[in-house]
Amino acid sequence: IAYEPVWAIGAAEPADAGYVSDVVNHLRGL
């Protein structure tokens, strides 16, 4: 799985590390 928030693609900075970690850990629960 390549988790790529659409709003972060091509942005100056990646999505916040805490946000990414939270989403991925929620996803692992699912």
PDB file of all heavy atoms in Angstrom:
ATOM      1  N   ILE A   1       0.842  -1.194   0.000  1.00  0.00           N
ATOM      2  CA  ILE A   1       0.000   0.000   0.000  1.00  0.00           C
ATOM      3  C   ILE A   1       0.878   1.244   0.000  1.00  0.00           C
ATOM      4  O   ILE A   1       1.787   1.371   0.832  1.00  0.00           O
ATOM      5  CB  ILE A   1      -0.919   0.033   1.242  1.00  0.00           C
ATOM      6  CG1 ILE A   1      -1.814  -1.212   1.294  1.00  0.00           C
ATOM      7  CG2 ILE A   1      -1.757   1.310   1.258  1.00  0.00           C
ATOM      8  CD1 ILE A   1      -2.737  -1.358   0.113  1.00  0.00           C
ATOM      9  N   ALA A   2       0.620   2.151  -0.927  1.00  0.00           N
ATOM     10  CA  ALA A   2       1.249   3.467  -0.915  1.00  0.00           C
ATOM     11  C   ALA A   2       0.198   4.466  -0.453  1.00  0.00           C
ATOM     12  O   ALA A   2      -0.721   4.810  -1.204  1.00  0.00           O
ATOM     13  CB  ALA A   2       1.769   3.834  -2.297  1.00  0.00           C
ATOM     14  N   TYR A   3       0.317   4.872   0.813  1.00  0.00           N
ATOM     15  CA  TYR A   3      -0.622   5.864   1.358  1.00  0.00           C
ATOM     16  C   TYR A   3      -0.158   7.251   0.949  1.00  0.00           C
ATOM     17  O   TYR A   3       0.878   7.734   1.409  1.00  0.00           O
ATOM     18  CB  TYR A   3      -0.719   5.727   2.880  1.00  0.00           C
ATOM     19  CG  TYR A   3      -1.443   6.897   3.529  1.00  0.00           C
ATOM     20  CD1 TYR A   3      -2.723   7.256   3.095  1.00  0.00           C
ATOM     21  CD2 TYR A   3      -0.852   7.636   4.542  1.00  0.00           C
ATOM     22  CE1 TYR A   3      -3.383   8.335   3.653  1.00  0.00           C
ATOM     23  CE2 TYR A   3      -1.511   8.709   5.118  1.00  0.00           C
ATOM     24  CZ  TYR A   3      -2.777   9.054   4.676  1.00  0.00           C
ATOM     25  OH  TYR A   3      -3.432  10.141   5.222  1.00  0.00           O
ATOM     26  N   GLU A   4      -0.909   7.876   0.054  1.00  0.00           N
ATOM     27  CA  GLU A   4      -0.557   9.183  -0.482  1.00  0.00           C
ATOM     28  C   GLU A   4      -1.757  10.122  -0.356  1.00  0.00           C
ATOM     29  O   GLU A   4      -2.635  10.131  -1.229  1.00  0.00           O
ATOM     30  CB  GLU A   4      -0.149   9.070  -1.950  1.00  0.00           C
ATOM     31  CG  GLU A   4       1.078   8.209  -2.194  1.00  0.00           C
ATOM     32  CD  GLU A   4       1.546   8.277  -3.632  1.00  0.00           C
ATOM     33  OE1 GLU A   4       0.771   7.909  -4.533  1.00  0.00           O
ATOM     34  OE2 GLU A   4       2.674   8.723  -3.846  1.00  0.00           O
ATOM     35  N   PRO A   5      -1.808  10.914   0.717  1.00  0.00           N
ATOM     36  CA  PRO A   5      -2.891  11.897   0.807  1.00  0.00           C
ATOM     37  C   PRO A   5      -2.874  12.791  -0.437  1.00  0.00           C
ATOM     38  O   PRO A   5      -1.837  13.376  -0.761  1.00  0.00           O
ATOM     39  CB  PRO A   5      -2.534  12.695   2.069  1.00  0.00           C
ATOM     40  CG  PRO A   5      -1.603  11.814   2.851  1.00  0.00           C
ATOM     41  CD  PRO A   5      -0.861  11.013   1.834  1.00  0.00           C
ATOM     42  N   VAL A   6      -3.999  12.868  -1.116  1.00  0.00           N
ATOM     43  CA  VAL A   6      -4.026  13.573  -2.401  1.00  0.00           C
ATOM     44  C   VAL A   6      -3.578  15.022  -2.233  1.00  0.00           C
ATOM     45  O   VAL A   6      -2.864  15.569  -3.072  1.00  0.00           O
ATOM     46  CB  VAL A   6      -5.436  13.488  -3.017  1.00  0.00           C
ATOM     47  CG1 VAL A   6      -5.513  14.286  -4.314  1.00  0.00           C
ATOM     48  CG2 VAL A   6      -5.820  12.036  -3.264  1.00  0.00           C
ATOM     49  N   TRP A   7      -3.950  15.624  -1.126  1.00  0.00           N
ATOM     50  CA  TRP A   7      -3.639  17.032  -0.885  1.00  0.00           C
ATOM     51  C   TRP A   7      -2.147  17.270  -0.611  1.00  0.00           C
ATOM     52  O   TRP A   7      -1.681  18.413  -0.648  1.00  0.00           O
ATOM     53  CB  TRP A   7      -4.472  17.567   0.274  1.00  0.00           C
ATOM     54  CG  TRP A   7      -4.443  16.688   1.493  1.00  0.00           C
ATOM     55  CD1 TRP A   7      -5.260  15.632   1.754  1.00  0.00           C
ATOM     56  CD2 TRP A   7      -3.533  16.780   2.597  1.00  0.00           C
ATOM     57  NE1 TRP A   7      -4.935  15.047   2.955  1.00  0.00           N
ATOM     58  CE2 TRP A   7      -3.888  15.735   3.494  1.00  0.00           C
ATOM     59  CE3 TRP A   7      -2.493  17.630   2.926  1.00  0.00           C
ATOM     60  CZ2 TRP A   7      -3.204  15.527   4.703  1.00  0.00           C
ATOM     61  CZ3 TRP A   7      -1.821  17.432   4.118  1.00  0.00           C
ATOM     62  CH2 TRP A   7      -2.177  16.401   4.992  1.00  0.00           C
ATOM     63  N   ALA A   8      -1.393  16.203  -0.357  1.00  0.00           N
ATOM     64  CA  ALA A   8       0.046  16.347  -0.091  1.00  0.00           C
ATOM     65  C   ALA A   8       0.898  16.093  -1.326  1.00  0.00           C
ATOM     66  O   ALA A   8       2.096  16.394  -1.316  1.00  0.00           O
ATOM     67  CB  ALA A   8       0.465  15.389   1.026  1.00  0.00           C
ATOM     68  N   ILE A   9       0.307  15.526  -2.386  1.00  0.00           N
ATOM     69  CA  ILE A   9       1.077  15.213  -3.583  1.00  0.00           C
ATOM     70  C   ILE A   9       1.484  16.505  -4.288  1.00  0.00           C
ATOM     71  O   ILE A   9       0.643  17.341  -4.611  1.00  0.00           O
ATOM     72  CB  ILE A   9       0.256  14.321  -4.540  1.00  0.00           C
ATOM     73  CG1 ILE A   9      -0.062  12.979  -3.880  1.00  0.00           C
ATOM     74  CG2 ILE A   9       0.991  14.097  -5.853  1.00  0.00           C
ATOM     75  CD1 ILE A   9      -1.018  12.108  -4.666  1.00  0.00           C
ATOM     76  N   GLY A  10       2.782  16.683  -4.499  1.00  0.00           N
ATOM     77  CA  GLY A  10       3.275  17.877  -5.167  1.00  0.00           C
ATOM     78  C   GLY A  10       3.364  19.107  -4.283  1.00  0.00           C
ATOM     79  O   GLY A  10       3.745  20.179  -4.754  1.00  0.00           O
ATOM     80  N   ALA A  11       3.028  18.974  -2.994  1.00  0.00           N
ATOM     81  CA  ALA A  11       3.090  20.105  -2.075  1.00  0.00           C
ATOM     82  C   ALA A  11       4.545  20.426  -1.720  1.00  0.00           C
ATOM     83  O   ALA A  11       5.450  19.630  -1.955  1.00  0.00           O
ATOM     84  CB  ALA A  11       2.290  19.800  -0.810  1.00  0.00           C
ATOM     85  N   ALA A  12       4.741  21.597  -1.129  1.00  0.00           N
ATOM     86  CA  ALA A  12       6.097  21.993  -0.745  1.00  0.00           C
ATOM     87  C   ALA A  12       6.628  21.117   0.377  1.00  0.00           C
ATOM     88  O   ALA A  12       7.839  20.879   0.468  1.00  0.00           O
ATOM     89  CB  ALA A  12       6.106  23.460  -0.329  1.00  0.00           C
ATOM     90  N   GLU A  13       5.743  20.633   1.234  1.00  0.00           N
ATOM     91  CA  GLU A  13       6.126  19.799   2.372  1.00  0.00           C
ATOM     92  C   GLU A  13       5.214  18.582   2.442  1.00  0.00           C
ATOM     93  O   GLU A  13       4.067  18.629   1.999  1.00  0.00           O
ATOM     94  CB  GLU A  13       6.026  20.591   3.687  1.00  0.00           C
ATOM     95  CG  GLU A  13       7.005  21.748   3.806  1.00  0.00           C
ATOM     96  CD  GLU A  13       8.446  21.282   3.910  1.00  0.00           C
ATOM     97  OE1 GLU A  13       8.672  20.172   4.432  1.00  0.00           O
ATOM     98  OE2 GLU A  13       9.339  22.037   3.475  1.00  0.00           O
ATOM     99  N   PRO A  14       5.705  17.484   3.014  1.00  0.00           N
ATOM    100  CA  PRO A  14       4.843  16.311   3.195  1.00  0.00           C
ATOM    101  C   PRO A  14       3.785  16.577   4.250  1.00  0.00           C
ATOM    102  O   PRO A  14       3.835  17.579   4.976  1.00  0.00           O
ATOM    103  CB  PRO A  14       5.828  15.234   3.669  1.00  0.00           C
ATOM    104  CG  PRO A  14       6.945  15.986   4.301  1.00  0.00           C
ATOM    105  CD  PRO A  14       7.070  17.271   3.532  1.00  0.00           C
ATOM    106  N   ALA A  15       2.820  15.687   4.344  1.00  0.00           N
ATOM    107  CA  ALA A  15       1.843  15.764   5.426  1.00  0.00           C
ATOM    108  C   ALA A  15       2.574  15.641   6.761  1.00  0.00           C
ATOM    109  O   ALA A  15       3.654  15.049   6.845  1.00  0.00           O
ATOM    110  CB  ALA A  15       0.816  14.651   5.279  1.00  0.00           C
ATOM    111  N   ASP A  16       1.995  16.228   7.796  1.00  0.00           N
ATOM    112  CA  ASP A  16       2.618  16.186   9.122  1.00  0.00           C
ATOM    113  C   ASP A  16       2.857  14.740   9.557  1.00  0.00           C
ATOM    114  O   ASP A  16       1.989  13.879   9.387  1.00  0.00           O
ATOM    115  CB  ASP A  16       1.709  16.888  10.121  1.00  0.00           C
ATOM    116  CG  ASP A  16       2.269  16.871  11.521  1.00  0.00           C
ATOM    117  OD1 ASP A  16       3.186  17.648  11.806  1.00  0.00           O
ATOM    118  OD2 ASP A  16       1.791  16.046  12.329  1.00  0.00           O
ATOM    119  N   ALA A  17       4.038  14.499  10.125  1.00  0.00           N
ATOM    120  CA  ALA A  17       4.410  13.131  10.506  1.00  0.00           C
ATOM    121  C   ALA A  17       3.429  12.536  11.511  1.00  0.00           C
ATOM    122  O   ALA A  17       3.098  11.349  11.440  1.00  0.00           O
ATOM    123  CB  ALA A  17       5.831  13.122  11.075  1.00  0.00           C
ATOM    124  N   GLY A  18       2.954  13.354  12.441  1.00  0.00           N
ATOM    125  CA  GLY A  18       1.990  12.854  13.415  1.00  0.00           C
ATOM    126  C   GLY A  18       0.684  12.441  12.764  1.00  0.00           C
ATOM    127  O   GLY A  18       0.088  11.412  13.126  1.00  0.00           O
ATOM    128  N   TYR A  19       0.236  13.230  11.799  1.00  0.00           N
ATOM    129  CA  TYR A  19      -1.001  12.914  11.076  1.00  0.00           C
ATOM    130  C   TYR A  19      -0.848  11.601  10.315  1.00  0.00           C
ATOM    131  O   TYR A  19      -1.710  10.718  10.394  1.00  0.00           O
ATOM    132  CB  TYR A  19      -1.342  14.055  10.127  1.00  0.00           C
ATOM    133  CG  TYR A  19      -2.562  13.817   9.273  1.00  0.00           C
ATOM    134  CD1 TYR A  19      -3.830  14.115   9.750  1.00  0.00           C
ATOM    135  CD2 TYR A  19      -2.451  13.302   7.985  1.00  0.00           C
ATOM    136  CE1 TYR A  19      -4.962  13.897   8.971  1.00  0.00           C
ATOM    137  CE2 TYR A  19      -3.564  13.079   7.193  1.00  0.00           C
ATOM    138  CZ  TYR A  19      -4.821  13.381   7.696  1.00  0.00           C
ATOM    139  OH  TYR A  19      -5.931  13.148   6.922  1.00  0.00           O
ATOM    140  N   VAL A  20       0.248  11.475   9.580  1.00  0.00           N
ATOM    141  CA  VAL A  20       0.482  10.257   8.800  1.00  0.00           C
ATOM    142  C   VAL A  20       0.519   9.045   9.716  1.00  0.00           C
ATOM    143  O   VAL A  20      -0.112   8.013   9.442  1.00  0.00           O
ATOM    144  CB  VAL A  20       1.787  10.365   7.995  1.00  0.00           C
ATOM    145  CG1 VAL A  20       2.112   9.035   7.313  1.00  0.00           C
ATOM    146  CG2 VAL A  20       1.688  11.476   6.953  1.00  0.00           C
ATOM    147  N   SER A  21       1.234   9.151  10.818  1.00  0.00           N
ATOM    148  CA  SER A  21       1.349   8.031  11.750  1.00  0.00           C
ATOM    149  C   SER A  21      -0.017   7.648  12.315  1.00  0.00           C
ATOM    150  O   SER A  21      -0.341   6.463  12.431  1.00  0.00           O
ATOM    151  CB  SER A  21       2.309   8.393  12.889  1.00  0.00           C
ATOM    152  OG  SER A  21       3.597   8.700  12.393  1.00  0.00           O
ATOM    153  N   ASP A  22      -0.824   8.652  12.672  1.00  0.00           N
ATOM    154  CA  ASP A  22      -2.154   8.371  13.222  1.00  0.00           C
ATOM    155  C   ASP A  22      -3.034   7.665  12.199  1.00  0.00           C
ATOM    156  O   ASP A  22      -3.733   6.692  12.523  1.00  0.00           O
ATOM    157  CB  ASP A  22      -2.824   9.670  13.672  1.00  0.00           C
ATOM    158  CG  ASP A  22      -2.241  10.215  14.968  1.00  0.00           C
ATOM    159  OD1 ASP A  22      -1.500   9.472  15.639  1.00  0.00           O
ATOM    160  OD2 ASP A  22      -2.536  11.380  15.307  1.00  0.00           O
ATOM    161  N   VAL A  23      -3.016   8.164  10.956  1.00  0.00           N
ATOM    162  CA  VAL A  23      -3.841   7.542   9.919  1.00  0.00           C
ATOM    163  C   VAL A  23      -3.402   6.091   9.688  1.00  0.00           C
ATOM    164  O   VAL A  23      -4.242   5.174   9.635  1.00  0.00           O
ATOM    165  CB  VAL A  23      -3.764   8.333   8.599  1.00  0.00           C
ATOM    166  CG1 VAL A  23      -4.475   7.574   7.473  1.00  0.00           C
ATOM    167  CG2 VAL A  23      -4.387   9.712   8.767  1.00  0.00           C
ATOM    168  N   VAL A  24      -2.097   5.871   9.564  1.00  0.00           N
ATOM    169  CA  VAL A  24      -1.604   4.526   9.278  1.00  0.00           C
ATOM    170  C   VAL A  24      -1.900   3.582  10.444  1.00  0.00           C
ATOM    171  O   VAL A  24      -2.289   2.422  10.235  1.00  0.00           O
ATOM    172  CB  VAL A  24      -0.100   4.550   8.946  1.00  0.00           C
ATOM    173  CG1 VAL A  24       0.461   3.135   8.845  1.00  0.00           C
ATOM    174  CG2 VAL A  24       0.127   5.289   7.638  1.00  0.00           C
ATOM    175  N   ASN A  25      -1.756   4.056  11.663  1.00  0.00           N
ATOM    176  CA  ASN A  25      -2.043   3.184  12.804  1.00  0.00           C
ATOM    177  C   ASN A  25      -3.534   2.874  12.916  1.00  0.00           C
ATOM    178  O   ASN A  25      -3.913   1.753  13.261  1.00  0.00           O
ATOM    179  CB  ASN A  25      -1.505   3.813  14.091  1.00  0.00           C
ATOM    180  CG  ASN A  25       0.006   3.660  14.213  1.00  0.00           C
ATOM    181  OD1 ASN A  25       0.554   2.599  13.948  1.00  0.00           O
ATOM    182  ND2 ASN A  25       0.694   4.730  14.588  1.00  0.00           N
ATOM    183  N   HIS A  26      -4.394   3.854  12.605  1.00  0.00           N
ATOM    184  CA  HIS A  26      -5.830   3.559  12.522  1.00  0.00           C
ATOM    185  C   HIS A  26      -6.101   2.538  11.420  1.00  0.00           C
ATOM    186  O   HIS A  26      -6.909   1.619  11.581  1.00  0.00           O
ATOM    187  CB  HIS A  26      -6.623   4.842  12.244  1.00  0.00           C
ATOM    188  CG  HIS A  26      -6.972   5.633  13.458  1.00  0.00           C
ATOM    189  ND1 HIS A  26      -6.149   6.586  14.000  1.00  0.00           N
ATOM    190  CD2 HIS A  26      -8.068   5.604  14.257  1.00  0.00           C
ATOM    191  CE1 HIS A  26      -6.710   7.125  15.065  1.00  0.00           C
ATOM    192  NE2 HIS A  26      -7.885   6.547  15.249  1.00  0.00           N
ATOM    193  N   LEU A  27      -5.417   2.718  10.291  1.00  0.00           N
ATOM    194  CA  LEU A  27      -5.605   1.790   9.175  1.00  0.00           C
ATOM    195  C   LEU A  27      -5.187   0.383   9.571  1.00  0.00           C
ATOM    196  O   LEU A  27      -5.866  -0.595   9.224  1.00  0.00           O
ATOM    197  CB  LEU A  27      -4.803   2.269   7.966  1.00  0.00           C
ATOM    198  CG  LEU A  27      -4.822   1.364   6.732  1.00  0.00           C
ATOM    199  CD1 LEU A  27      -6.240   1.199   6.194  1.00  0.00           C
ATOM    200  CD2 LEU A  27      -3.895   1.929   5.646  1.00  0.00           C
ATOM    201  N   ARG A  28      -4.088   0.257  10.284  1.00  0.00           N
ATOM    202  CA  ARG A  28      -3.644  -1.079  10.717  1.00  0.00           C
ATOM    203  C   ARG A  28      -4.677  -1.730  11.629  1.00  0.00           C
ATOM    204  O   ARG A  28      -4.861  -2.957  11.596  1.00  0.00           O
ATOM    205  CB  ARG A  28      -2.281  -0.987  11.402  1.00  0.00           C
ATOM    206  CG  ARG A  28      -1.165  -0.592  10.457  1.00  0.00           C
ATOM    207  CD  ARG A  28       0.208  -1.004  10.950  1.00  0.00           C
ATOM    208  NE  ARG A  28       1.254  -0.589  10.027  1.00  0.00           N
ATOM    209  CZ  ARG A  28       1.545  -1.214   8.898  1.00  0.00           C
ATOM    210  NH1 ARG A  28       0.869  -2.297   8.544  1.00  0.00           N
ATOM    211  NH2 ARG A  28       2.519  -0.782   8.103  1.00  0.00           N
ATOM    212  N   GLY A  29      -5.354  -0.928  12.428  1.00  0.00           N
ATOM    213  CA  GLY A  29      -6.426  -1.481  13.240  1.00  0.00           C
ATOM    214  C   GLY A  29      -7.553  -2.052  12.394  1.00  0.00           C
ATOM    215  O   GLY A  29      -8.106  -3.115  12.702  1.00  0.00           O
ATOM    216  N   LEU A  30      -7.895  -1.351  11.297  1.00  0.00           N
ATOM    217  CA  LEU A  30      -8.929  -1.851  10.391  1.00  0.00           C
ATOM    218  C   LEU A  30      -8.448  -3.091   9.637  1.00  0.00           C
ATOM    219  O   LEU A  30      -9.215  -4.040   9.428  1.00  0.00           O
ATOM    220  CB  LEU A  30      -9.320  -0.751   9.404  1.00  0.00           C
ATOM    221  CG  LEU A  30      -9.946   0.505  10.009  1.00  0.00           C
ATOM    222  CD1 LEU A  30     -10.120   1.585   8.946  1.00  0.00           C
ATOM    223  CD2 LEU A  30     -11.295   0.175  10.661  1.00  0.00           C
TER     224      LEU A  30
END
